[in-house]
Amino acid sequence: MKKYELAVVVSAKLEDDERAAVVDKCKALVERFGGNITEVDEWGKKRLAYEIQKMKEGFYYFIKFEAETTAPAEIESRMRIMDGVIRYLCVKQDEA
């Protein structure tokens, strides 16, 4: 199993409970494709580098997990159509 990190930017327009539901959905996606979540890091509300969908701020979450090499592609294909997610990126972590 390889180590990955999923960075998710959630819309700042959502209420706290809606935002928590979106993050839970992301975690469920990771687990659905055989991932084992090791850490969830919440950075809170940050200013975006540029305006996305007429929003200047978003909530940043980083989900670290271990999974097989096929899992990130499956996760990203589902994240693409998820409501409330502005941007996402799944990267492989170094084995250092």
PDB file of N, CA and C in Angstrom:
ATOM      1  N   MET A   1       0.850  -1.186   0.000  1.00  0.00           N
ATOM      2  CA  MET A   1       0.000   0.000   0.000  1.00  0.00           C
ATOM      3  C   MET A   1       0.892   1.245   0.000  1.00  0.00           C
ATOM      4  N   LYS A   2       0.490   2.215  -0.790  1.00  0.00           N
ATOM      5  CA  LYS A   2       1.214   3.483  -0.903  1.00  0.00           C
ATOM      6  C   LYS A   2       0.539   4.540  -0.035  1.00  0.00           C
ATOM      7  N   LYS A   3       1.301   5.573   0.326  1.00  0.00           N
ATOM      8  CA  LYS A   3       0.762   6.671   1.130  1.00  0.00           C
ATOM      9  C   LYS A   3       0.385   7.822   0.211  1.00  0.00           C
ATOM     10  N   TYR A   4      -0.799   8.384   0.455  1.00  0.00           N
ATOM     11  CA  TYR A   4      -1.309   9.488  -0.349  1.00  0.00           C
ATOM     12  C   TYR A   4      -1.832  10.600   0.551  1.00  0.00           C
ATOM     13  N   GLU A   5      -1.970  11.788  -0.052  1.00  0.00           N
ATOM     14  CA  GLU A   5      -2.578  12.921   0.641  1.00  0.00           C
ATOM     15  C   GLU A   5      -3.601  13.546  -0.299  1.00  0.00           C
ATOM     16  N   LEU A   6      -4.811  13.698   0.208  1.00  0.00           N
ATOM     17  CA  LEU A   6      -5.894  14.297  -0.565  1.00  0.00           C
ATOM     18  C   LEU A   6      -6.164  15.691  -0.003  1.00  0.00           C
ATOM     19  N   ALA A   7      -5.908  16.708  -0.809  1.00  0.00           N
ATOM     20  CA  ALA A   7      -6.180  18.085  -0.420  1.00  0.00           C
ATOM     21  C   ALA A   7      -7.546  18.472  -0.990  1.00  0.00           C
ATOM     22  N   VAL A   8      -8.410  19.006  -0.133  1.00  0.00           N
ATOM     23  CA  VAL A   8      -9.763  19.359  -0.549  1.00  0.00           C
ATOM     24  C   VAL A   8     -10.055  20.795  -0.112  1.00  0.00           C
ATOM     25  N   VAL A   9     -10.557  21.610  -1.043  1.00  0.00           N
ATOM     26  CA  VAL A   9     -11.007  22.959  -0.718  1.00  0.00           C
ATOM     27  C   VAL A   9     -12.528  22.954  -0.800  1.00  0.00           C
ATOM     28  N   VAL A  10     -13.164  23.219   0.341  1.00  0.00           N
ATOM     29  CA  VAL A  10     -14.623  23.190   0.444  1.00  0.00           C
ATOM     30  C   VAL A  10     -15.155  24.621   0.410  1.00  0.00           C
ATOM     31  N   SER A  11     -16.287  24.807  -0.213  1.00  0.00           N
ATOM     32  CA  SER A  11     -16.912  26.121  -0.352  1.00  0.00           C
ATOM     33  C   SER A  11     -17.128  26.799   0.994  1.00  0.00           C
ATOM     34  N   ALA A  12     -16.801  28.080   1.069  1.00  0.00           N
ATOM     35  CA  ALA A  12     -16.995  28.855   2.300  1.00  0.00           C
ATOM     36  C   ALA A  12     -18.459  29.264   2.469  1.00  0.00           C
ATOM     37  N   LYS A  13     -19.262  29.077   1.435  1.00  0.00           N
ATOM     38  CA  LYS A  13     -20.679  29.452   1.508  1.00  0.00           C
ATOM     39  C   LYS A  13     -21.510  28.437   2.282  1.00  0.00           C
ATOM     40  N   LEU A  14     -20.957  27.241   2.528  1.00  0.00           N
ATOM     41  CA  LEU A  14     -21.695  26.192   3.234  1.00  0.00           C
ATOM     42  C   LEU A  14     -21.699  26.435   4.743  1.00  0.00           C
ATOM     43  N   GLU A  15     -22.771  25.990   5.393  1.00  0.00           N
ATOM     44  CA  GLU A  15     -22.850  26.056   6.848  1.00  0.00           C
ATOM     45  C   GLU A  15     -21.926  24.993   7.443  1.00  0.00           C
ATOM     46  N   ASP A  16     -21.668  25.095   8.764  1.00  0.00           N
ATOM     47  CA  ASP A  16     -20.750  24.170   9.430  1.00  0.00           C
ATOM     48  C   ASP A  16     -21.150  22.711   9.270  1.00  0.00           C
ATOM     49  N   ASP A  17     -22.449  22.413   9.458  1.00  0.00           N
ATOM     50  CA  ASP A  17     -22.884  21.019   9.364  1.00  0.00           C
ATOM     51  C   ASP A  17     -22.814  20.497   7.925  1.00  0.00           C
ATOM     52  N   GLU A  18     -23.109  21.355   6.951  1.00  0.00           N
ATOM     53  CA  GLU A  18     -23.010  20.953   5.548  1.00  0.00           C
ATOM     54  C   GLU A  18     -21.556  20.682   5.166  1.00  0.00           C
ATOM     55  N   ARG A  19     -20.655  21.544   5.666  1.00  0.00           N
ATOM     56  CA  ARG A  19     -19.225  21.392   5.388  1.00  0.00           C
ATOM     57  C   ARG A  19     -18.698  20.093   6.002  1.00  0.00           C
ATOM     58  N   ALA A  20     -19.131  19.787   7.217  1.00  0.00           N
ATOM     59  CA  ALA A  20     -18.735  18.539   7.874  1.00  0.00           C
ATOM     60  C   ALA A  20     -19.232  17.330   7.085  1.00  0.00           C
ATOM     61  N   ALA A  21     -20.425  17.442   6.520  1.00  0.00           N
ATOM     62  CA  ALA A  21     -20.984  16.353   5.719  1.00  0.00           C
ATOM     63  C   ALA A  21     -20.159  16.126   4.452  1.00  0.00           C
ATOM     64  N   VAL A  22     -19.687  17.201   3.832  1.00  0.00           N
ATOM     65  CA  VAL A  22     -18.862  17.083   2.625  1.00  0.00           C
ATOM     66  C   VAL A  22     -17.540  16.389   2.961  1.00  0.00           C
ATOM     67  N   VAL A  23     -16.925  16.771   4.080  1.00  0.00           N
ATOM     68  CA  VAL A  23     -15.660  16.155   4.493  1.00  0.00           C
ATOM     69  C   VAL A  23     -15.874  14.680   4.837  1.00  0.00           C
ATOM     70  N   ASP A  24     -16.990  14.361   5.498  1.00  0.00           N
ATOM     71  CA  ASP A  24     -17.306  12.968   5.809  1.00  0.00           C
ATOM     72  C   ASP A  24     -17.500  12.153   4.532  1.00  0.00           C
ATOM     73  N   LYS A  25     -18.103  12.775   3.525  1.00  0.00           N
ATOM     74  CA  LYS A  25     -18.297  12.119   2.234  1.00  0.00           C
ATOM     75  C   LYS A  25     -16.942  11.803   1.584  1.00  0.00           C
ATOM     76  N   CYS A  26     -16.006  12.744   1.697  1.00  0.00           N
ATOM     77  CA  CYS A  26     -14.658  12.545   1.149  1.00  0.00           C
ATOM     78  C   CYS A  26     -13.965  11.385   1.859  1.00  0.00           C
ATOM     79  N   LYS A  27     -14.088  11.356   3.184  1.00  0.00           N
ATOM     80  CA  LYS A  27     -13.475  10.267   3.957  1.00  0.00           C
ATOM     81  C   LYS A  27     -14.119   8.926   3.600  1.00  0.00           C
ATOM     82  N   ALA A  28     -15.426   8.923   3.400  1.00  0.00           N
ATOM     83  CA  ALA A  28     -16.129   7.697   3.032  1.00  0.00           C
ATOM     84  C   ALA A  28     -15.676   7.196   1.660  1.00  0.00           C
ATOM     85  N   LEU A  29     -15.401   8.123   0.742  1.00  0.00           N
ATOM     86  CA  LEU A  29     -14.904   7.748  -0.582  1.00  0.00           C
ATOM     87  C   LEU A  29     -13.563   7.033  -0.483  1.00  0.00           C
ATOM     88  N   VAL A  30     -12.673   7.578   0.349  1.00  0.00           N
ATOM     89  CA  VAL A  30     -11.352   6.977   0.532  1.00  0.00           C
ATOM     90  C   VAL A  30     -11.506   5.558   1.073  1.00  0.00           C
ATOM     91  N   GLU A  31     -12.357   5.394   2.081  1.00  0.00           N
ATOM     92  CA  GLU A  31     -12.553   4.081   2.691  1.00  0.00           C
ATOM     93  C   GLU A  31     -13.259   3.116   1.733  1.00  0.00           C
ATOM     94  N   ARG A  32     -14.142   3.639   0.898  1.00  0.00           N
ATOM     95  CA  ARG A  32     -14.878   2.809  -0.052  1.00  0.00           C
ATOM     96  C   ARG A  32     -13.956   2.119  -1.062  1.00  0.00           C
ATOM     97  N   PHE A  33     -12.884   2.802  -1.423  1.00  0.00           N
ATOM     98  CA  PHE A  33     -11.941   2.236  -2.385  1.00  0.00           C
ATOM     99  C   PHE A  33     -10.728   1.604  -1.705  1.00  0.00           C
ATOM    100  N   GLY A  34     -10.913   1.147  -0.481  1.00  0.00           N
ATOM    101  CA  GLY A  34      -9.878   0.372   0.211  1.00  0.00           C
ATOM    102  C   GLY A  34      -8.817   1.193   0.901  1.00  0.00           C
ATOM    103  N   GLY A  35      -9.048   2.476   1.075  1.00  0.00           N
ATOM    104  CA  GLY A  35      -8.068   3.331   1.737  1.00  0.00           C
ATOM    105  C   GLY A  35      -8.187   3.260   3.248  1.00  0.00           C
ATOM    106  N   ASN A  36      -7.066   3.442   3.918  1.00  0.00           N
ATOM    107  CA  ASN A  36      -7.011   3.463   5.375  1.00  0.00           C
ATOM    108  C   ASN A  36      -6.578   4.868   5.801  1.00  0.00           C
ATOM    109  N   ILE A  37      -7.500   5.664   6.342  1.00  0.00           N
ATOM    110  CA  ILE A  37      -7.206   7.055   6.711  1.00  0.00           C
ATOM    111  C   ILE A  37      -6.318   7.084   7.947  1.00  0.00           C
ATOM    112  N   THR A  38      -5.197   7.811   7.838  1.00  0.00           N
ATOM    113  CA  THR A  38      -4.266   7.912   8.964  1.00  0.00           C
ATOM    114  C   THR A  38      -4.381   9.244   9.694  1.00  0.00           C
ATOM    115  N   GLU A  39      -4.757  10.302   8.960  1.00  0.00           N
ATOM    116  CA  GLU A  39      -4.822  11.624   9.579  1.00  0.00           C
ATOM    117  C   GLU A  39      -5.708  12.557   8.762  1.00  0.00           C
ATOM    118  N   VAL A  40      -6.454  13.422   9.456  1.00  0.00           N
ATOM    119  CA  VAL A  40      -7.241  14.458   8.797  1.00  0.00           C
ATOM    120  C   VAL A  40      -6.819  15.790   9.413  1.00  0.00           C
ATOM    121  N   ASP A  41      -6.313  16.676   8.578  1.00  0.00           N
ATOM    122  CA  ASP A  41      -5.801  17.956   9.045  1.00  0.00           C
ATOM    123  C   ASP A  41      -6.694  19.070   8.516  1.00  0.00           C
ATOM    124  N   GLU A  42      -7.284  19.843   9.415  1.00  0.00           N
ATOM    125  CA  GLU A  42      -8.164  20.953   9.019  1.00  0.00           C
ATOM    126  C   GLU A  42      -7.408  22.261   9.184  1.00  0.00           C
ATOM    127  N   TRP A  43      -7.237  22.993   8.085  1.00  0.00           N
ATOM    128  CA  TRP A  43      -6.536  24.266   8.132  1.00  0.00           C
ATOM    129  C   TRP A  43      -7.477  25.435   8.355  1.00  0.00           C
ATOM    130  N   GLY A  44      -8.769  25.236   8.179  1.00  0.00           N
ATOM    131  CA  GLY A  44      -9.733  26.305   8.375  1.00  0.00           C
ATOM    132  C   GLY A  44      -9.914  27.152   7.126  1.00  0.00           C
ATOM    133  N   LYS A  45     -10.508  28.331   7.321  1.00  0.00           N
ATOM    134  CA  LYS A  45     -10.826  29.215   6.196  1.00  0.00           C
ATOM    135  C   LYS A  45      -9.581  30.001   5.786  1.00  0.00           C
ATOM    136  N   LYS A  46      -9.255  29.899   4.496  1.00  0.00           N
ATOM    137  CA  LYS A  46      -8.105  30.606   3.937  1.00  0.00           C
ATOM    138  C   LYS A  46      -8.524  31.333   2.673  1.00  0.00           C
ATOM    139  N   ARG A  47      -7.797  32.374   2.371  1.00  0.00           N
ATOM    140  CA  ARG A  47      -8.029  33.125   1.142  1.00  0.00           C
ATOM    141  C   ARG A  47      -7.475  32.330  -0.035  1.00  0.00           C
ATOM    142  N   LEU A  48      -8.247  32.256  -1.114  1.00  0.00           N
ATOM    143  CA  LEU A  48      -7.817  31.550  -2.318  1.00  0.00           C
ATOM    144  C   LEU A  48      -6.831  32.413  -3.104  1.00  0.00           C
ATOM    145  N   ALA A  49      -5.964  31.767  -3.855  1.00  0.00           N
ATOM    146  CA  ALA A  49      -4.978  32.490  -4.666  1.00  0.00           C
ATOM    147  C   ALA A  49      -5.661  33.307  -5.760  1.00  0.00           C
ATOM    148  N   TYR A  50      -6.788  32.806  -6.244  1.00  0.00           N
ATOM    149  CA  TYR A  50      -7.568  33.518  -7.252  1.00  0.00           C
ATOM    150  C   TYR A  50      -9.039  33.145  -7.061  1.00  0.00           C
ATOM    151  N   GLU A  51      -9.912  33.968  -7.600  1.00  0.00           N
ATOM    152  CA  GLU A  51     -11.351  33.762  -7.428  1.00  0.00           C
ATOM    153  C   GLU A  51     -11.814  32.524  -8.191  1.00  0.00           C
ATOM    154  N   ILE A  52     -12.557  31.659  -7.497  1.00  0.00           N
ATOM    155  CA  ILE A  52     -13.108  30.450  -8.095  1.00  0.00           C
ATOM    156  C   ILE A  52     -14.610  30.468  -7.858  1.00  0.00           C
ATOM    157  N   GLN A  53     -15.390  30.385  -8.913  1.00  0.00           N
ATOM    158  CA  GLN A  53     -16.849  30.391  -8.830  1.00  0.00           C
ATOM    159  C   GLN A  53     -17.352  31.579  -7.992  1.00  0.00           C
ATOM    160  N   LYS A  54     -16.742  32.741  -8.202  1.00  0.00           N
ATOM    161  CA  LYS A  54     -17.079  33.995  -7.514  1.00  0.00           C
ATOM    162  C   LYS A  54     -16.866  33.921  -6.009  1.00  0.00           C
ATOM    163  N   MET A  55     -15.951  33.040  -5.560  1.00  0.00           N
ATOM    164  CA  MET A  55     -15.598  32.933  -4.135  1.00  0.00           C
ATOM    165  C   MET A  55     -14.135  33.295  -3.957  1.00  0.00           C
ATOM    166  N   LYS A  56     -13.846  33.987  -2.876  1.00  0.00           N
ATOM    167  CA  LYS A  56     -12.471  34.389  -2.591  1.00  0.00           C
ATOM    168  C   LYS A  56     -11.866  33.604  -1.433  1.00  0.00           C
ATOM    169  N   GLU A  57     -12.705  32.812  -0.717  1.00  0.00           N
ATOM    170  CA  GLU A  57     -12.221  32.035   0.419  1.00  0.00           C
ATOM    171  C   GLU A  57     -12.759  30.616   0.353  1.00  0.00           C
ATOM    172  N   GLY A  58     -12.050  29.715   1.019  1.00  0.00           N
ATOM    173  CA  GLY A  58     -12.486  28.330   1.087  1.00  0.00           C
ATOM    174  C   GLY A  58     -11.913  27.668   2.325  1.00  0.00           C
ATOM    175  N   PHE A  59     -12.479  26.546   2.718  1.00  0.00           N
ATOM    176  CA  PHE A  59     -11.996  25.784   3.862  1.00  0.00           C
ATOM    177  C   PHE A  59     -11.104  24.660   3.351  1.00  0.00           C
ATOM    178  N   TYR A  60      -9.895  24.584   3.902  1.00  0.00           N
ATOM    179  CA  TYR A  60      -8.902  23.611   3.452  1.00  0.00           C
ATOM    180  C   TYR A  60      -8.862  22.401   4.384  1.00  0.00           C
ATOM    181  N   TYR A  61      -8.849  21.200   3.780  1.00  0.00           N
ATOM    182  CA  TYR A  61      -8.731  19.942   4.519  1.00  0.00           C
ATOM    183  C   TYR A  61      -7.697  19.070   3.819  1.00  0.00           C
ATOM    184  N   PHE A  62      -6.887  18.383   4.619  1.00  0.00           N
ATOM    185  CA  PHE A  62      -5.886  17.463   4.087  1.00  0.00           C
ATOM    186  C   PHE A  62      -6.118  16.095   4.722  1.00  0.00           C
ATOM    187  N   ILE A  63      -6.424  15.115   3.886  1.00  0.00           N
ATOM    188  CA  ILE A  63      -6.717  13.761   4.354  1.00  0.00           C
ATOM    189  C   ILE A  63      -5.561  12.860   3.916  1.00  0.00           C
ATOM    190  N   LYS A  64      -4.818  12.337   4.900  1.00  0.00           N
ATOM    191  CA  LYS A  64      -3.711  11.418   4.599  1.00  0.00           C
ATOM    192  C   LYS A  64      -4.230   9.998   4.733  1.00  0.00           C
ATOM    193  N   PHE A  65      -3.871   9.159   3.756  1.00  0.00           N
ATOM    194  CA  PHE A  65      -4.355   7.782   3.769  1.00  0.00           C
ATOM    195  C   PHE A  65      -3.398   6.843   3.054  1.00  0.00           C
ATOM    196  N   GLU A  66      -3.580   5.567   3.297  1.00  0.00           N
ATOM    197  CA  GLU A  66      -2.829   4.519   2.612  1.00  0.00           C
ATOM    198  C   GLU A  66      -3.812   3.743   1.749  1.00  0.00           C
ATOM    199  N   ALA A  67      -3.403   3.442   0.512  1.00  0.00           N
ATOM    200  CA  ALA A  67      -4.301   2.724  -0.390  1.00  0.00           C
ATOM    201  C   ALA A  67      -3.500   2.081  -1.512  1.00  0.00           C
ATOM    202  N   GLU A  68      -4.188   1.250  -2.277  1.00  0.00           N
ATOM    203  CA  GLU A  68      -3.590   0.640  -3.467  1.00  0.00           C
ATOM    204  C   GLU A  68      -3.432   1.718  -4.542  1.00  0.00           C
ATOM    205  N   THR A  69      -2.639   1.434  -5.548  1.00  0.00           N
ATOM    206  CA  THR A  69      -2.332   2.436  -6.574  1.00  0.00           C
ATOM    207  C   THR A  69      -3.523   2.814  -7.449  1.00  0.00           C
ATOM    208  N   THR A  70      -4.567   1.996  -7.484  1.00  0.00           N
ATOM    209  CA  THR A  70      -5.730   2.309  -8.321  1.00  0.00           C
ATOM    210  C   THR A  70      -6.722   3.237  -7.621  1.00  0.00           C
ATOM    211  N   ALA A  71      -6.623   3.363  -6.302  1.00  0.00           N
ATOM    212  CA  ALA A  71      -7.595   4.136  -5.528  1.00  0.00           C
ATOM    213  C   ALA A  71      -7.624   5.633  -5.855  1.00  0.00           C
ATOM    214  N   PRO A  72      -6.486   6.325  -5.973  1.00  0.00           N
ATOM    215  CA  PRO A  72      -6.551   7.775  -6.226  1.00  0.00           C
ATOM    216  C   PRO A  72      -7.337   8.155  -7.481  1.00  0.00           C
ATOM    217  N   ALA A  73      -7.199   7.405  -8.558  1.00  0.00           N
ATOM    218  CA  ALA A  73      -7.933   7.721  -9.791  1.00  0.00           C
ATOM    219  C   ALA A  73      -9.435   7.587  -9.566  1.00  0.00           C
ATOM    220  N   GLU A  74      -9.845   6.549  -8.844  1.00  0.00           N
ATOM    221  CA  GLU A  74     -11.262   6.347  -8.545  1.00  0.00           C
ATOM    222  C   GLU A  74     -11.794   7.465  -7.652  1.00  0.00           C
ATOM    223  N   ILE A  75     -11.009   7.833  -6.643  1.00  0.00           N
ATOM    224  CA  ILE A  75     -11.421   8.895  -5.710  1.00  0.00           C
ATOM    225  C   ILE A  75     -11.570  10.223  -6.448  1.00  0.00           C
ATOM    226  N   GLU A  76     -10.575  10.561  -7.279  1.00  0.00           N
ATOM    227  CA  GLU A  76     -10.635  11.825  -8.012  1.00  0.00           C
ATOM    228  C   GLU A  76     -11.806  11.878  -8.983  1.00  0.00           C
ATOM    229  N   SER A  77     -12.139  10.752  -9.603  1.00  0.00           N
ATOM    230  CA  SER A  77     -13.268  10.772 -10.541  1.00  0.00           C
ATOM    231  C   SER A  77     -14.581  11.046  -9.812  1.00  0.00           C
ATOM    232  N   ARG A  78     -14.703  10.611  -8.565  1.00  0.00           N
ATOM    233  CA  ARG A  78     -15.909  10.886  -7.767  1.00  0.00           C
ATOM    234  C   ARG A  78     -15.888  12.306  -7.184  1.00  0.00           C
ATOM    235  N   MET A  79     -14.690  12.800  -6.836  1.00  0.00           N
ATOM    236  CA  MET A  79     -14.563  14.152  -6.265  1.00  0.00           C
ATOM    237  C   MET A  79     -14.947  15.218  -7.295  1.00  0.00           C
ATOM    238  N   ARG A  80     -14.694  14.924  -8.559  1.00  0.00           N
ATOM    239  CA  ARG A  80     -14.946  15.881  -9.649  1.00  0.00           C
ATOM    240  C   ARG A  80     -16.402  16.342  -9.683  1.00  0.00           C
ATOM    241  N   ILE A  81     -17.327  15.455  -9.327  1.00  0.00           N
ATOM    242  CA  ILE A  81     -18.750  15.804  -9.418  1.00  0.00           C
ATOM    243  C   ILE A  81     -19.390  16.070  -8.055  1.00  0.00           C
ATOM    244  N   MET A  82     -18.592  16.126  -7.003  1.00  0.00           N
ATOM    245  CA  MET A  82     -19.131  16.308  -5.654  1.00  0.00           C
ATOM    246  C   MET A  82     -19.502  17.778  -5.395  1.00  0.00           C
ATOM    247  N   ASP A  83     -20.718  18.004  -4.902  1.00  0.00           N
ATOM    248  CA  ASP A  83     -21.162  19.358  -4.562  1.00  0.00           C
ATOM    249  C   ASP A  83     -20.421  19.854  -3.327  1.00  0.00           C
ATOM    250  N   GLY A  84     -20.103  21.136  -3.314  1.00  0.00           N
ATOM    251  CA  GLY A  84     -19.453  21.732  -2.161  1.00  0.00           C
ATOM    252  C   GLY A  84     -17.937  21.721  -2.241  1.00  0.00           C
ATOM    253  N   VAL A  85     -17.374  20.904  -3.121  1.00  0.00           N
ATOM    254  CA  VAL A  85     -15.920  20.841  -3.287  1.00  0.00           C
ATOM    255  C   VAL A  85     -15.526  21.781  -4.426  1.00  0.00           C
ATOM    256  N   ILE A  86     -14.692  22.773  -4.094  1.00  0.00           N
ATOM    257  CA  ILE A  86     -14.243  23.727  -5.110  1.00  0.00           C
ATOM    258  C   ILE A  86     -13.067  23.143  -5.891  1.00  0.00           C
ATOM    259  N   ARG A  87     -12.055  22.659  -5.154  1.00  0.00           N
ATOM    260  CA  ARG A  87     -10.860  22.069  -5.762  1.00  0.00           C
ATOM    261  C   ARG A  87     -10.426  20.864  -4.938  1.00  0.00           C
ATOM    262  N   TYR A  88      -9.678  19.963  -5.574  1.00  0.00           N
ATOM    263  CA  TYR A  88      -9.136  18.798  -4.896  1.00  0.00           C
ATOM    264  C   TYR A  88      -7.851  18.393  -5.588  1.00  0.00           C
ATOM    265  N   LEU A  89      -6.993  17.688  -4.878  1.00  0.00           N
ATOM    266  CA  LEU A  89      -5.773  17.168  -5.461  1.00  0.00           C
ATOM    267  C   LEU A  89      -5.298  15.996  -4.624  1.00  0.00           C
ATOM    268  N   CYS A  90      -5.013  14.900  -5.268  1.00  0.00           N
ATOM    269  CA  CYS A  90      -4.517  13.707  -4.580  1.00  0.00           C
ATOM    270  C   CYS A  90      -3.087  13.477  -5.040  1.00  0.00           C
ATOM    271  N   VAL A  91      -2.143  13.459  -4.092  1.00  0.00           N
ATOM    272  CA  VAL A  91      -0.731  13.268  -4.431  1.00  0.00           C
ATOM    273  C   VAL A  91      -0.158  12.114  -3.626  1.00  0.00           C
ATOM    274  N   LYS A  92       0.837  11.441  -4.221  1.00  0.00           N
ATOM    275  CA  LYS A  92       1.535  10.354  -3.547  1.00  0.00           C
ATOM    276  C   LYS A  92       2.614  10.963  -2.668  1.00  0.00           C
ATOM    277  N   GLN A  93       2.724  10.502  -1.420  1.00  0.00           N
ATOM    278  CA  GLN A  93       3.746  11.011  -0.521  1.00  0.00           C
ATOM    279  C   GLN A  93       5.027  10.219  -0.694  1.00  0.00           C
ATOM    280  N   ASP A  94       6.152  10.877  -0.462  1.00  0.00           N
ATOM    281  CA  ASP A  94       7.454  10.215  -0.551  1.00  0.00           C
ATOM    282  C   ASP A  94       7.593   9.194   0.557  1.00  0.00           C
ATOM    283  N   GLU A  95       8.399   8.177   0.303  1.00  0.00           N
ATOM    284  CA  GLU A  95       8.631   7.119   1.282  1.00  0.00           C
ATOM    285  C   GLU A  95       9.769   7.485   2.228  1.00  0.00           C
ATOM    286  N   ALA A  96      10.225   8.720   2.208  1.00  0.00           N
ATOM    287  CA  ALA A  96      11.381   9.149   3.029  1.00  0.00           C
ATOM    288  C   ALA A  96      11.124   9.085   4.497  1.00  0.00           C
TER     289      ALA A  96
END
